N, C-alpha and C. Protein backbone atom coordinates (compact mmCIF):
# COMPACT_ATOMS: atom_id res chain seq x y z
N MET A 1 -6.11 25.60 46.57
CA MET A 1 -5.34 25.85 48.29
C MET A 1 -5.34 26.75 47.78
N ALA A 2 -5.39 27.97 48.94
CA ALA A 2 -4.17 28.87 48.74
C ALA A 2 -2.79 29.32 48.84
N GLU A 3 -1.86 30.14 48.36
CA GLU A 3 -0.99 29.78 48.76
C GLU A 3 -0.58 29.63 50.10
N THR A 4 -0.55 30.69 50.87
CA THR A 4 -0.42 30.72 51.97
C THR A 4 -1.20 29.46 53.11
N GLN A 5 -2.48 29.10 52.60
CA GLN A 5 -2.49 27.79 53.64
C GLN A 5 -1.70 26.61 53.25
N GLY A 6 -1.23 27.07 52.05
CA GLY A 6 -0.09 25.46 51.93
C GLY A 6 0.95 25.71 52.60
N ARG A 7 1.56 27.20 52.43
CA ARG A 7 2.90 27.60 53.24
C ARG A 7 3.06 27.05 54.78
N GLU A 8 1.17 27.76 55.44
CA GLU A 8 0.89 26.89 57.14
C GLU A 8 1.37 25.16 56.95
N LEU A 9 0.56 25.08 56.13
CA LEU A 9 0.59 23.20 56.56
C LEU A 9 1.52 22.51 55.98
N GLU A 10 2.67 22.98 55.40
CA GLU A 10 3.68 22.49 54.86
C GLU A 10 4.74 22.80 56.37
N GLN A 11 4.28 23.87 57.00
CA GLN A 11 5.65 24.31 58.38
C GLN A 11 4.11 23.97 59.45
N SER A 12 3.45 23.14 59.36
CA SER A 12 2.53 22.55 60.67
C SER A 12 3.21 21.04 60.79
N LEU A 13 3.07 20.65 59.38
CA LEU A 13 3.36 19.22 59.16
C LEU A 13 4.84 18.77 58.85
N GLU A 14 5.95 19.98 58.76
CA GLU A 14 7.06 19.79 58.81
C GLU A 14 8.23 19.55 60.24
N ALA A 15 7.27 20.77 61.34
CA ALA A 15 7.66 20.44 63.18
C ALA A 15 7.24 18.59 62.97
N GLU A 16 6.00 18.03 63.03
CA GLU A 16 5.44 17.03 63.13
C GLU A 16 6.40 16.17 62.40
N ALA A 17 7.01 16.03 61.57
CA ALA A 17 7.39 14.59 60.83
C ALA A 17 8.75 15.07 61.25
N ALA A 18 9.96 16.34 60.97
CA ALA A 18 10.87 16.87 61.40
C ALA A 18 11.47 15.51 62.61
N SER A 19 10.71 15.29 63.88
CA SER A 19 10.87 14.33 64.81
C SER A 19 10.80 12.59 64.66
N SER A 20 10.42 12.53 63.63
CA SER A 20 10.14 11.31 62.76
C SER A 20 11.33 10.93 62.28
N GLY A 21 12.27 11.84 61.58
CA GLY A 21 13.54 12.35 60.67
C GLY A 21 12.41 12.42 59.31
N GLY A 22 11.46 13.06 58.58
CA GLY A 22 11.04 13.04 58.04
C GLY A 22 10.86 14.17 57.17
N SER A 23 10.56 14.24 56.07
CA SER A 23 9.94 16.31 55.48
C SER A 23 8.97 16.01 55.21
N ALA A 24 8.50 17.85 55.14
CA ALA A 24 6.88 17.45 54.11
C ALA A 24 7.32 18.79 53.40
N HIS A 25 6.72 19.22 51.94
CA HIS A 25 7.36 20.22 51.48
C HIS A 25 5.72 20.94 50.83
N PHE A 26 5.96 22.08 50.36
CA PHE A 26 5.03 22.66 49.75
C PHE A 26 5.34 23.10 47.40
N LEU A 27 4.77 22.36 47.34
CA LEU A 27 4.38 23.04 45.78
C LEU A 27 2.61 23.46 45.33
N ARG A 28 2.49 24.92 45.38
CA ARG A 28 1.01 24.62 44.63
C ARG A 28 1.40 24.27 42.71
N THR A 29 0.34 23.64 42.58
CA THR A 29 0.18 22.15 41.39
C THR A 29 -1.38 22.45 40.98
N ASP A 30 -1.36 22.98 40.00
CA ASP A 30 -2.40 22.97 38.92
C ASP A 30 -2.38 21.50 38.26
N VAL A 31 -3.16 20.16 39.41
CA VAL A 31 -3.79 18.65 38.77
C VAL A 31 -4.02 18.28 37.65
N ALA A 32 -4.20 19.73 36.67
CA ALA A 32 -5.05 19.24 35.17
C ALA A 32 -3.92 19.44 34.13
N SER A 33 -2.48 20.13 34.93
CA SER A 33 -2.35 20.79 33.66
C SER A 33 -0.80 19.61 34.22
N TYR A 34 -0.14 18.81 33.43
CA TYR A 34 0.50 17.43 33.21
C TYR A 34 2.08 18.23 33.35
N ARG A 35 2.41 19.17 32.98
CA ARG A 35 3.44 20.33 32.94
C ARG A 35 3.84 20.09 34.65
N ASP A 36 2.41 20.84 35.34
CA ASP A 36 2.35 20.51 37.20
C ASP A 36 3.04 19.23 37.38
N GLN A 37 2.63 19.12 37.27
CA GLN A 37 2.11 17.21 38.21
C GLN A 37 3.95 17.31 37.74
N LEU A 38 4.23 17.20 36.10
CA LEU A 38 6.14 16.99 36.01
C LEU A 38 7.00 17.72 37.16
N ALA A 39 6.73 18.94 37.11
CA ALA A 39 7.26 19.45 38.22
C ALA A 39 7.65 19.23 39.30
N LEU A 40 5.83 19.45 39.82
CA LEU A 40 5.61 18.37 41.38
C LEU A 40 7.08 16.79 41.56
N PHE A 41 6.58 15.74 40.54
CA PHE A 41 7.95 14.72 40.31
C PHE A 41 9.02 14.90 40.35
N ASP A 42 8.99 16.28 39.47
CA ASP A 42 11.22 16.79 39.64
C ASP A 42 11.17 17.36 41.27
N ALA A 43 10.26 18.12 41.30
CA ALA A 43 10.60 18.76 43.17
C ALA A 43 11.16 17.05 44.03
N ALA A 44 10.23 16.51 44.24
CA ALA A 44 10.24 15.47 45.18
C ALA A 44 11.34 14.39 44.82
N HIS A 45 12.23 14.41 42.57
CA HIS A 45 12.97 13.45 43.19
C HIS A 45 13.83 14.50 43.24
N GLU A 46 14.38 15.68 43.05
CA GLU A 46 15.35 16.47 43.36
C GLU A 46 15.77 16.15 44.49
N ALA A 47 14.64 15.76 45.73
CA ALA A 47 14.45 17.20 47.36
C ALA A 47 14.97 14.88 47.90
N HIS A 48 14.52 14.32 47.28
CA HIS A 48 14.97 12.60 48.20
C HIS A 48 15.30 11.64 46.82
N GLY A 49 16.38 12.03 46.03
CA GLY A 49 16.68 11.37 45.45
C GLY A 49 15.72 10.25 44.75
N HIS A 50 14.50 9.63 44.79
CA HIS A 50 13.96 8.62 44.65
C HIS A 50 12.12 9.27 45.00
N VAL A 51 11.58 8.77 43.47
CA VAL A 51 9.99 8.34 43.47
C VAL A 51 9.71 7.09 44.51
N ASP A 52 9.07 6.43 45.47
CA ASP A 52 8.69 5.39 44.99
C ASP A 52 7.26 5.46 43.98
N TYR A 53 6.63 6.37 44.23
CA TYR A 53 5.51 6.23 43.68
C TYR A 53 5.25 7.07 42.86
N ALA A 54 4.38 7.53 41.73
CA ALA A 54 4.08 8.28 41.48
C ALA A 54 2.72 8.07 40.54
N ILE A 55 1.22 8.90 40.71
CA ILE A 55 0.15 9.20 40.53
C ILE A 55 -0.48 10.03 40.24
N ALA A 56 -0.64 10.28 38.80
CA ALA A 56 -0.90 11.64 38.27
C ALA A 56 -2.65 11.28 37.68
N ASN A 57 -3.17 10.92 38.04
CA ASN A 57 -4.16 10.67 37.17
C ASN A 57 -5.88 11.97 36.96
N ALA A 58 -5.30 12.73 38.08
CA ALA A 58 -6.70 13.79 37.92
C ALA A 58 -6.84 14.72 36.99
N ALA A 59 -8.06 14.08 35.71
CA ALA A 59 -8.60 15.26 35.49
C ALA A 59 -7.89 14.73 33.50
N VAL A 60 -6.70 13.03 33.77
CA VAL A 60 -6.00 13.06 32.05
C VAL A 60 -6.72 11.93 32.40
N SER A 61 -6.11 11.67 30.74
CA SER A 61 -6.79 10.74 30.24
C SER A 61 -5.31 10.40 28.81
N GLU A 62 -5.14 8.57 28.65
CA GLU A 62 -4.36 8.42 28.28
C GLU A 62 -4.11 8.07 26.51
N PRO A 63 -3.13 9.10 25.80
CA PRO A 63 -2.97 9.39 24.41
C PRO A 63 -2.70 7.42 24.46
N HIS A 64 -3.23 7.07 23.40
CA HIS A 64 -3.01 5.53 22.57
C HIS A 64 -1.74 5.44 22.52
N GLY A 65 -1.05 4.46 23.39
CA GLY A 65 0.13 4.23 23.84
C GLY A 65 1.18 4.96 24.18
N PHE A 66 0.60 5.60 25.37
CA PHE A 66 1.18 6.61 26.03
C PHE A 66 1.72 5.66 27.05
N LEU A 67 1.30 4.79 27.78
CA LEU A 67 2.31 4.00 28.58
C LEU A 67 2.20 2.65 28.61
N ASP A 68 2.65 2.31 27.16
CA ASP A 68 2.54 1.05 26.62
C ASP A 68 4.04 0.50 27.33
N PRO A 69 4.28 -0.60 27.59
CA PRO A 69 5.69 -1.11 28.16
C PRO A 69 6.48 -1.25 27.51
N GLU A 70 6.82 -1.50 26.92
CA GLU A 70 8.01 -1.12 25.77
C GLU A 70 8.45 0.03 24.99
N THR A 71 7.61 1.00 25.27
CA THR A 71 8.48 1.94 24.69
C THR A 71 8.05 3.41 26.56
N LEU A 72 7.98 2.54 27.50
CA LEU A 72 8.06 3.44 29.08
C LEU A 72 8.83 3.31 29.21
N ASP A 73 9.29 4.85 29.72
CA ASP A 73 10.72 5.67 30.63
C ASP A 73 10.89 6.67 30.93
N LEU A 74 11.70 7.06 32.09
CA LEU A 74 11.43 7.94 32.72
C LEU A 74 11.26 9.44 31.44
N GLU A 75 12.00 9.43 30.45
CA GLU A 75 11.83 10.40 29.41
C GLU A 75 10.73 10.56 28.65
N THR A 76 10.15 9.04 28.74
CA THR A 76 8.67 9.44 27.97
C THR A 76 7.61 9.93 29.03
N VAL A 77 7.83 9.80 30.03
CA VAL A 77 6.70 9.91 31.08
C VAL A 77 7.11 11.39 30.92
N GLN A 78 8.25 11.63 31.23
CA GLN A 78 7.95 13.71 30.95
C GLN A 78 7.87 14.58 29.35
N GLU A 79 7.04 14.25 28.80
CA GLU A 79 7.36 14.29 27.45
C GLU A 79 5.52 14.72 27.39
N VAL A 80 5.55 16.13 27.39
CA VAL A 80 3.85 16.46 27.57
C VAL A 80 3.20 16.30 25.53
N GLN A 81 2.28 15.19 26.44
CA GLN A 81 1.52 14.42 25.42
C GLN A 81 -0.17 15.37 24.88
N SER A 82 -0.14 15.48 23.56
CA SER A 82 -1.30 16.26 22.81
C SER A 82 -2.10 15.78 23.24
N PRO A 83 -3.18 16.26 22.86
CA PRO A 83 -4.87 16.21 23.24
C PRO A 83 -5.17 15.35 21.58
């Protein structure tokens, strides 16, 4: 999505969301870039204080042990994994 289209969509959704107490934000993100996905997550967390769900799996494979429940925490998921 082009930057201009994203900003226009954000404005349109923001107008609708404001009437129900919601909000909408646009952040250009390359879904194949884990760093971009982390930036998107951080922006949502900063704006709202929490993120209920984050499913970032477009063109991403899990390195062995990356989501191991014994080591899974906010710090470990913020590490950019090497292929």
